[in-house]
Amino acid sequence: MTTTTTLPLKSLREIAGAAFDSELCSTTSPVLVLFHTPWCGRCRILEPSLARLARKWEGEVSIAKANLDQSPELAARYGIAGTPTLILFCGGAPIACFAGTIAPRQLEPQVRGLLADYAQPTGTAARRRSDRAKPPPLAGPGLAEAAMRTRGPNMKVIGLIGGMSWESTIEYYRLINEAVRERLGGLHSAKCVLDSVDFAEVEALQRQGRWRDAARLLAAAGQNVENAGADLALICTNTMHKLADTVQASIGIPLLHIADATAEKVRQARFQRVGLLGTRFTMEEDFYRGRLADRHGLEVMIPNPEERQVLHRVIYEELCVGAIRPESRALIASTINRLVQTGAEAIILGCTELGLLLHDEDSRVPLFDTTRIHALAAVDYALKGNAS
């Protein structure tokens, strides 16, 4: 067997393009290839473990990686429907596939067993060896595709940064799973990981203006969901999108911004002037209003100071503790009515708890529920590539 180059602990060498075929066909050693994409959190989690295995197997099995975003033809060639996917090659031909995350302690005995079977000069192993020089098929169902038929659809893992408050985080979880079941049918549900913070700590930091401390808290939560295998992240609250840029900078997976998802729906409905309801932070500060205006060209109207105070109180003192009161619904409905009278064409419910209180019949113009919009945007992203 050929000797492989010692690898850095946390990285695998990349093979792509013409180098991919030449690498596989020029070596007599087995090659285990991690097919990955840069946005795949589970791929990044798996890679250090594979790098350690590469050191352990040096001289026996070579381990490399191939970026499917750079070489999409490889996905078609081998029928790869999701990442991470591991394929074991011998003499340039694929002999086994492991679709999805697999623990190294499970992978090692399986690979050794396959190689032992491959070395036997009888049965299917002998037929495999006789085909070593043949290139793998360029079309038709591949090993990974066959594995995916039992593994299920190519579904990314949604990372929820929740608990702000948990009353609305429950809604995220319900909406996401209902949408996945509706689109995929049967017993399908969403792949999610959740880091639920203590909202009392967050609210105190908000009230005291300690946004740097709050940013560290949310950045840690974002890293937690990424390390748990999330492929995308959501901050399950409007107000804490004040820190969205900090959270995004601290993780290597996409953060789906609630204001962007909402603005896209508003623009699709061809509305220009919108009323914005939420906490005082969301209504009064530029991180949200400015994003709607500057990035999406919306004209944003907000309630008067007295109405903003009522909204803020109802959100924190009632909705965040599960209290749904008809008199508060009537107060906010009157605020909506005044915004409509002054030109609002639609209303953005810019607090994830407001959808628990307000419904379509409470407004003469369309309501855009940011919780629902954000949750469904996550499902769209997670199921990209699957028929809905």
Protein backbone atom coordinates (compact mmCIF):
# COMPACT_ATOMS: atom_id res chain seq x y z
CA MET A 1 0.00 0.00 0.00
CA THR A 2 1.16 3.56 -0.67
CA THR A 3 2.08 5.85 2.18
CA THR A 4 -0.14 8.88 2.76
CA THR A 5 1.02 12.32 3.83
CA THR A 6 0.52 13.13 7.51
CA LEU A 7 -2.43 15.51 7.85
CA PRO A 8 -3.07 18.46 10.15
CA LEU A 9 -5.29 17.36 13.00
CA LYS A 10 -8.43 19.23 11.98
CA SER A 11 -8.31 19.22 8.17
CA LEU A 12 -8.46 16.78 5.29
CA ARG A 13 -6.87 17.37 1.91
CA GLU A 14 -9.28 18.47 -0.80
CA ILE A 15 -9.50 16.65 -4.12
CA ALA A 16 -11.60 18.02 -6.96
CA GLY A 17 -11.95 18.23 -10.72
CA ALA A 18 -9.46 16.22 -12.77
CA ALA A 19 -7.46 15.51 -9.62
CA PHE A 20 -10.38 13.53 -8.22
CA ASP A 21 -10.30 10.76 -10.84
CA SER A 22 -6.50 10.65 -11.03
CA GLU A 23 -6.22 10.41 -7.24
CA LEU A 24 -8.65 7.49 -7.03
CA CYS A 25 -7.29 5.52 -9.96
CA SER A 26 -3.58 6.06 -9.37
CA THR A 27 -3.40 4.59 -5.88
CA THR A 28 -3.64 0.98 -4.80
CA SER A 29 -4.70 2.08 -1.33
CA PRO A 30 -8.39 2.36 -0.43
CA VAL A 31 -9.60 5.99 -0.33
CA LEU A 32 -12.42 7.19 1.91
CA VAL A 33 -13.89 10.45 0.57
CA LEU A 34 -15.99 12.89 2.58
CA PHE A 35 -18.37 14.62 0.15
CA HIS A 36 -19.19 17.96 1.79
CA THR A 37 -20.40 21.50 1.28
CA PRO A 38 -19.05 24.61 3.04
CA TRP A 39 -22.42 25.41 4.65
CA CYS A 40 -22.89 21.94 6.16
CA GLY A 41 -22.42 22.12 9.94
CA ARG A 42 -22.37 18.35 10.32
CA CYS A 43 -19.55 18.12 7.75
CA ARG A 44 -17.41 20.50 9.79
CA ILE A 45 -18.15 18.52 12.95
CA LEU A 46 -17.22 15.24 11.26
CA GLU A 47 -13.99 16.41 9.63
CA PRO A 48 -11.73 16.57 12.74
CA SER A 49 -12.75 13.02 13.66
CA LEU A 50 -11.91 11.84 10.15
CA ALA A 51 -8.57 13.66 10.31
CA ARG A 52 -7.73 11.72 13.47
CA LEU A 53 -8.72 8.48 11.71
CA ALA A 54 -6.50 9.44 8.77
CA ARG A 55 -3.53 9.60 11.10
CA LYS A 56 -4.45 6.30 12.69
CA TRP A 57 -4.91 4.60 9.30
CA GLU A 58 -1.82 6.12 7.69
CA GLY A 59 -0.38 3.66 5.22
CA GLU A 60 -3.60 1.63 5.10
CA VAL A 61 -6.46 3.91 4.09
CA SER A 62 -6.28 7.42 2.67
CA ILE A 63 -8.98 9.94 3.66
CA ALA A 64 -9.79 13.02 1.60
CA LYS A 65 -12.70 15.39 1.01
CA ALA A 66 -14.49 16.71 -2.07
CA ASN A 67 -16.51 19.95 -2.16
CA LEU A 68 -19.81 19.32 -3.97
CA ASP A 69 -20.39 23.05 -4.44
CA GLN A 70 -17.18 23.17 -6.50
CA SER A 71 -17.70 19.80 -8.18
CA PRO A 72 -21.49 19.25 -8.49
CA GLU A 73 -20.93 16.63 -11.19
CA LEU A 74 -19.68 14.28 -8.46
CA ALA A 75 -23.08 14.37 -6.77
CA ALA A 76 -24.73 13.30 -10.02
CA ARG A 77 -22.10 10.66 -10.71
CA TYR A 78 -22.48 8.91 -7.38
CA GLY A 79 -26.13 9.67 -6.67
CA ILE A 80 -25.33 11.84 -3.62
CA ALA A 81 -28.49 13.44 -2.28
CA GLY A 82 -27.20 15.01 0.93
CA THR A 83 -24.17 15.90 3.00
CA PRO A 84 -22.19 14.62 4.71
CA THR A 85 -21.76 11.49 2.59
CA LEU A 86 -18.77 9.16 2.85
CA ILE A 87 -17.87 6.79 0.00
CA LEU A 88 -15.15 4.17 0.23
CA PHE A 89 -13.22 3.62 -3.03
CA CYS A 90 -10.94 0.73 -3.95
CA GLY A 91 -9.05 0.85 -7.24
CA GLY A 92 -11.13 3.86 -8.28
CA ALA A 93 -14.47 2.09 -7.82
CA PRO A 94 -16.95 2.82 -5.02
CA ILE A 95 -17.59 -0.19 -2.78
CA ALA A 96 -19.57 1.33 0.11
CA CYS A 97 -21.45 4.45 1.09
CA PHE A 98 -22.26 6.00 4.46
CA ALA A 99 -24.93 8.70 4.08
CA GLY A 100 -25.30 11.14 6.96
CA THR A 101 -23.34 11.58 10.16
CA ILE A 102 -21.60 8.46 11.47
CA ALA A 103 -19.51 8.18 14.61
CA PRO A 104 -15.87 7.17 14.03
CA ARG A 105 -16.24 4.28 16.49
CA GLN A 106 -18.96 2.90 14.17
CA LEU A 107 -17.18 3.79 10.95
CA GLU A 108 -13.84 2.11 11.72
CA PRO A 109 -15.06 -1.50 12.15
CA GLN A 110 -17.36 -1.18 9.15
CA VAL A 111 -14.56 0.03 6.89
CA ARG A 112 -12.18 -2.67 8.12
CA GLY A 113 -14.86 -5.32 7.56
CA LEU A 114 -15.51 -4.10 4.02
CA LEU A 115 -11.80 -4.10 3.20
CA ALA A 116 -11.39 -7.60 4.59
CA ASP A 117 -14.29 -8.76 2.40
CA TYR A 118 -12.84 -6.94 -0.58
CA ALA A 119 -9.52 -8.72 -0.16
CA GLN A 120 -11.13 -12.19 -0.40
CA PRO A 121 -10.75 -13.78 -3.89
CA THR A 122 -14.26 -15.21 -3.95
CA GLY A 123 -17.82 -14.12 -4.66
CA THR A 124 -18.76 -10.52 -5.12
CA ALA A 125 -15.41 -9.27 -3.80
CA ALA A 126 -13.61 -11.02 -6.65
CA ARG A 127 -15.99 -9.45 -9.14
CA ARG A 128 -15.31 -6.05 -7.56
CA ARG A 129 -11.55 -6.52 -7.98
CA SER A 130 -11.95 -7.48 -11.61
CA ASP A 131 -13.72 -4.18 -12.18
CA ARG A 132 -11.06 -2.02 -10.51
CA ALA A 133 -9.95 -0.35 -13.70
CA LYS A 134 -13.48 0.57 -14.73
CA PRO A 135 -14.60 4.12 -13.95
CA PRO A 136 -17.68 4.52 -11.76
CA PRO A 137 -20.99 4.99 -13.61
CA LEU A 138 -21.82 8.52 -14.74
CA ALA A 139 -25.57 8.11 -14.48
CA GLY A 140 -28.23 6.04 -12.80
CA PRO A 141 -28.78 5.34 -9.09
CA GLY A 142 -25.58 5.43 -7.06
CA LEU A 143 -24.66 3.99 -3.70
CA ALA A 144 -25.56 7.19 -1.91
CA GLU A 145 -28.88 7.45 -3.70
CA ALA A 146 -29.76 3.93 -2.61
CA ALA A 147 -28.81 4.82 0.95
CA MET A 148 -30.97 7.94 0.82
CA ARG A 149 -34.02 5.87 -0.06
CA THR A 150 -33.89 4.51 3.48
CA ARG A 151 -32.42 7.60 5.12
CA GLY A 152 -35.12 9.97 3.90
CA PRO A 153 -35.08 13.33 2.14
CA ASN A 154 -32.13 15.68 2.00
CA MET A 155 -33.12 17.86 4.95
CA LYS A 156 -30.85 20.42 6.55
CA VAL A 157 -30.81 20.76 10.32
CA ILE A 158 -32.46 23.94 11.65
CA GLY A 159 -30.77 25.53 14.64
CA LEU A 160 -33.15 27.51 16.88
CA ILE A 161 -31.83 30.12 19.30
CA GLY A 162 -34.95 30.32 21.43
CA GLY A 163 -36.47 30.99 24.80
CA MET A 164 -37.10 34.70 24.11
CA SER A 165 -39.75 33.97 25.17
CA TRP A 166 -40.45 30.24 25.16
CA GLU A 167 -44.10 31.07 24.45
CA SER A 168 -43.15 31.96 20.88
CA THR A 169 -40.37 29.35 20.61
CA ILE A 170 -43.11 26.73 20.95
CA GLU A 171 -44.79 28.32 17.93
CA TYR A 172 -41.59 28.09 15.91
CA TYR A 173 -41.29 24.39 16.67
CA ARG A 174 -44.95 23.72 15.86
CA LEU A 175 -44.96 25.74 12.62
CA ILE A 176 -41.71 24.21 11.37
CA ASN A 177 -42.81 20.65 12.00
CA GLU A 178 -46.30 21.18 10.57
CA ALA A 179 -44.77 22.62 7.40
CA VAL A 180 -42.33 19.71 7.01
CA ARG A 181 -45.13 17.18 7.50
CA GLU A 182 -47.33 19.02 4.99
CA ARG A 183 -44.61 19.13 2.35
CA LEU A 184 -43.13 15.65 2.81
CA GLY A 185 -46.16 13.76 4.12
CA GLY A 186 -46.39 10.72 6.33
CA LEU A 187 -44.48 10.77 9.60
CA HIS A 188 -41.87 13.30 8.48
CA SER A 189 -40.82 15.96 10.96
CA ALA A 190 -38.12 18.62 11.00
CA LYS A 191 -34.52 18.07 12.02
CA CYS A 192 -33.96 20.72 14.67
CA VAL A 193 -31.58 21.58 17.46
CA LEU A 194 -32.54 24.16 20.09
CA ASP A 195 -30.53 26.30 22.47
CA SER A 196 -33.11 27.86 24.80
CA VAL A 197 -31.75 30.73 26.88
CA ASP A 198 -33.15 32.06 30.16
CA PHE A 199 -35.26 35.03 29.07
CA ALA A 200 -35.05 36.64 32.52
CA GLU A 201 -31.30 37.05 31.97
CA VAL A 202 -31.82 38.43 28.47
CA GLU A 203 -34.53 40.88 29.55
CA ALA A 204 -32.31 42.23 32.34
CA LEU A 205 -29.48 42.82 29.89
CA GLN A 206 -31.88 44.59 27.51
CA ARG A 207 -33.26 46.80 30.25
CA GLN A 208 -29.78 47.71 31.53
CA GLY A 209 -28.44 48.42 28.04
CA ARG A 210 -25.80 45.69 28.38
CA TRP A 211 -25.92 44.71 24.73
CA ARG A 212 -22.31 43.50 24.60
CA ASP A 213 -23.06 40.95 27.30
CA ALA A 214 -26.24 39.97 25.48
CA ALA A 215 -24.23 39.59 22.28
CA ARG A 216 -21.82 37.18 23.97
CA LEU A 217 -24.76 35.16 25.29
CA LEU A 218 -26.41 34.87 21.89
CA ALA A 219 -23.14 34.20 20.08
CA ALA A 220 -22.52 31.29 22.45
CA ALA A 221 -26.03 29.98 21.75
CA GLY A 222 -25.37 30.23 18.02
CA GLN A 223 -22.14 28.28 18.39
CA ASN A 224 -23.96 25.67 20.45
CA VAL A 225 -26.52 24.95 17.72
CA GLU A 226 -23.79 24.90 15.08
CA ASN A 227 -21.69 22.47 17.13
CA ALA A 228 -24.80 20.32 17.61
CA GLY A 229 -25.04 19.91 13.82
CA ALA A 230 -27.24 22.78 12.62
CA ASP A 231 -26.89 23.81 8.97
CA LEU A 232 -28.66 27.15 9.47
CA ALA A 233 -29.58 29.27 12.47
CA LEU A 234 -32.58 31.36 13.53
CA ILE A 235 -32.80 33.90 16.34
CA CYS A 236 -36.39 33.23 17.44
CA THR A 237 -37.21 36.83 18.37
CA ASN A 238 -37.32 40.15 16.55
CA THR A 239 -35.72 42.35 19.20
CA MET A 240 -32.54 40.33 19.54
CA HIS A 241 -31.86 40.77 15.81
CA LYS A 242 -30.23 43.94 17.08
CA LEU A 243 -27.30 41.54 17.59
CA ALA A 244 -27.74 39.51 14.39
CA ASP A 245 -24.50 40.68 12.79
CA THR A 246 -22.52 39.70 15.89
CA VAL A 247 -24.13 36.27 16.00
CA GLN A 248 -23.53 35.71 12.28
CA ALA A 249 -19.87 36.66 12.65
CA SER A 250 -19.45 34.08 15.42
CA ILE A 251 -20.73 31.07 13.43
CA GLY A 252 -19.97 29.44 10.11
CA ILE A 253 -23.55 28.65 9.08
CA PRO A 254 -26.13 31.04 7.59
CA LEU A 255 -28.29 33.08 9.96
CA LEU A 256 -31.74 33.68 8.46
CA HIS A 257 -32.68 37.25 9.33
CA ILE A 258 -36.30 37.68 10.36
CA ALA A 259 -36.61 41.17 8.88
CA ASP A 260 -35.32 40.03 5.48
CA ALA A 261 -37.75 37.10 5.33
CA THR A 262 -40.64 39.38 6.32
CA ALA A 263 -39.72 42.16 3.91
CA GLU A 264 -39.57 39.65 1.07
CA LYS A 265 -43.15 38.57 1.77
CA VAL A 266 -44.31 42.20 2.01
CA ARG A 267 -42.68 43.05 -1.31
CA GLN A 268 -44.15 39.96 -2.96
CA ALA A 269 -47.59 41.20 -1.87
CA ARG A 270 -46.75 44.57 -3.49
CA PHE A 271 -47.10 46.68 -0.36
CA GLN A 272 -44.92 49.74 0.19
CA ARG A 273 -46.11 51.47 3.39
CA VAL A 274 -46.23 49.24 6.45
CA GLY A 275 -47.01 49.71 10.10
CA LEU A 276 -44.52 48.09 12.48
CA LEU A 277 -45.57 46.75 15.90
CA GLY A 278 -43.14 45.30 18.43
CA THR A 279 -41.06 46.13 21.47
CA ARG A 280 -39.77 49.68 21.90
CA PHE A 281 -36.35 48.45 20.74
CA THR A 282 -37.76 47.07 17.50
CA MET A 283 -40.05 50.00 16.76
CA GLU A 284 -37.70 52.82 17.69
CA GLU A 285 -34.18 51.66 16.81
CA ASP A 286 -32.62 51.56 13.37
CA PHE A 287 -31.44 47.92 13.38
CA TYR A 288 -34.94 46.81 12.29
CA ARG A 289 -36.69 49.83 10.79
CA GLY A 290 -33.54 50.83 8.95
CA ARG A 291 -33.07 47.38 7.51
CA LEU A 292 -36.64 47.33 6.19
CA ALA A 293 -36.18 50.76 4.62
CA ASP A 294 -32.57 50.66 3.41
CA ARG A 295 -32.33 47.07 2.20
CA HIS A 296 -35.89 46.53 1.04
CA GLY A 297 -37.24 49.98 0.19
CA LEU A 298 -40.20 49.85 2.57
CA GLU A 299 -41.73 52.94 4.15
CA VAL A 300 -42.14 52.09 7.83
CA MET A 301 -44.68 53.71 10.13
CA ILE A 302 -44.72 53.19 13.91
CA PRO A 303 -47.31 53.92 16.64
CA ASN A 304 -47.18 57.11 18.69
CA PRO A 305 -45.17 57.16 21.96
CA GLU A 306 -48.14 56.27 24.17
CA GLU A 307 -49.12 53.36 21.93
CA ARG A 308 -45.51 52.13 21.85
CA GLN A 309 -45.46 52.08 25.65
CA VAL A 310 -48.67 50.02 25.75
CA LEU A 311 -47.30 47.54 23.20
CA HIS A 312 -44.04 47.12 25.09
CA ARG A 313 -45.89 46.51 28.36
CA VAL A 314 -48.32 44.00 26.85
CA ILE A 315 -45.48 42.05 25.25
CA TYR A 316 -43.29 41.75 28.36
CA GLU A 317 -45.85 41.66 31.14
CA GLU A 318 -48.54 39.60 29.41
CA LEU A 319 -47.64 37.72 26.24
CA CYS A 320 -44.20 36.57 27.39
CA VAL A 321 -45.82 34.96 30.44
CA GLY A 322 -48.69 33.38 28.50
CA ALA A 323 -51.42 35.92 29.37
CA ILE A 324 -53.79 36.55 26.43
CA ARG A 325 -56.22 39.34 27.37
CA PRO A 326 -59.12 40.58 25.22
CA GLU A 327 -58.72 44.15 26.50
CA SER A 328 -55.10 44.21 25.29
CA ARG A 329 -56.19 42.86 21.91
CA ALA A 330 -58.68 45.73 21.66
CA LEU A 331 -56.03 48.31 22.57
CA ILE A 332 -53.60 47.09 19.94
CA ALA A 333 -56.37 46.71 17.35
CA SER A 334 -57.11 50.41 17.85
CA THR A 335 -53.42 51.18 17.25
CA ILE A 336 -53.57 49.19 14.03
CA ASN A 337 -56.68 51.08 12.98
CA ARG A 338 -54.96 54.44 13.52
CA LEU A 339 -51.93 53.35 11.48
CA VAL A 340 -54.22 52.25 8.66
CA GLN A 341 -56.05 55.58 8.77
CA THR A 342 -52.73 57.38 8.34
CA GLY A 343 -51.69 55.31 5.33
CA ALA A 344 -50.41 51.88 6.37
CA GLU A 345 -51.18 49.30 3.68
CA ALA A 346 -50.20 46.34 5.85
CA ILE A 347 -49.04 45.63 9.41
CA ILE A 348 -45.89 43.78 10.42
CA LEU A 349 -46.26 41.93 13.72
CA GLY A 350 -42.65 42.61 14.63
CA CYS A 351 -42.69 40.65 17.87
CA THR A 352 -42.83 36.87 17.84
CA GLU A 353 -45.47 36.85 20.61
CA LEU A 354 -47.91 39.22 18.86
CA GLY A 355 -49.26 36.42 16.66
CA LEU A 356 -50.51 34.76 19.85
CA LEU A 357 -52.78 37.75 20.48
CA LEU A 358 -53.69 39.20 17.09
CA HIS A 359 -55.40 37.51 14.15
CA ASP A 360 -56.53 38.52 10.67
CA GLU A 361 -59.95 39.64 11.92
CA ASP A 362 -58.28 42.24 14.18
CA SER A 363 -57.11 44.31 11.20
CA ARG A 364 -58.61 45.84 8.06
CA VAL A 365 -55.33 45.31 6.23
CA PRO A 366 -53.11 42.20 5.97
CA LEU A 367 -51.07 41.18 9.00
CA PHE A 368 -47.58 39.80 8.42
CA ASP A 369 -46.78 37.46 11.31
CA THR A 370 -42.99 37.40 11.59
CA THR A 371 -42.98 34.16 13.58
CA ARG A 372 -44.78 32.24 10.85
CA ILE A 373 -42.80 33.89 8.05
CA HIS A 374 -39.46 33.21 9.74
CA ALA A 375 -40.34 29.59 10.55
CA LEU A 376 -41.50 28.85 7.00
CA ALA A 377 -38.41 30.53 5.54
CA ALA A 378 -36.33 28.10 7.60
CA VAL A 379 -38.31 25.16 6.21
CA ASP A 380 -37.82 26.45 2.66
CA TYR A 381 -34.08 26.57 3.26
CA ALA A 382 -33.95 23.20 5.02
CA LEU A 383 -35.88 21.41 2.28
CA LYS A 384 -34.22 23.08 -0.68
CA GLY A 385 -33.86 20.43 -3.36
CA ASN A 386 -36.84 18.35 -2.18
CA ALA A 387 -40.18 18.34 -3.93
CA SER A 388 -42.83 20.06 -1.84
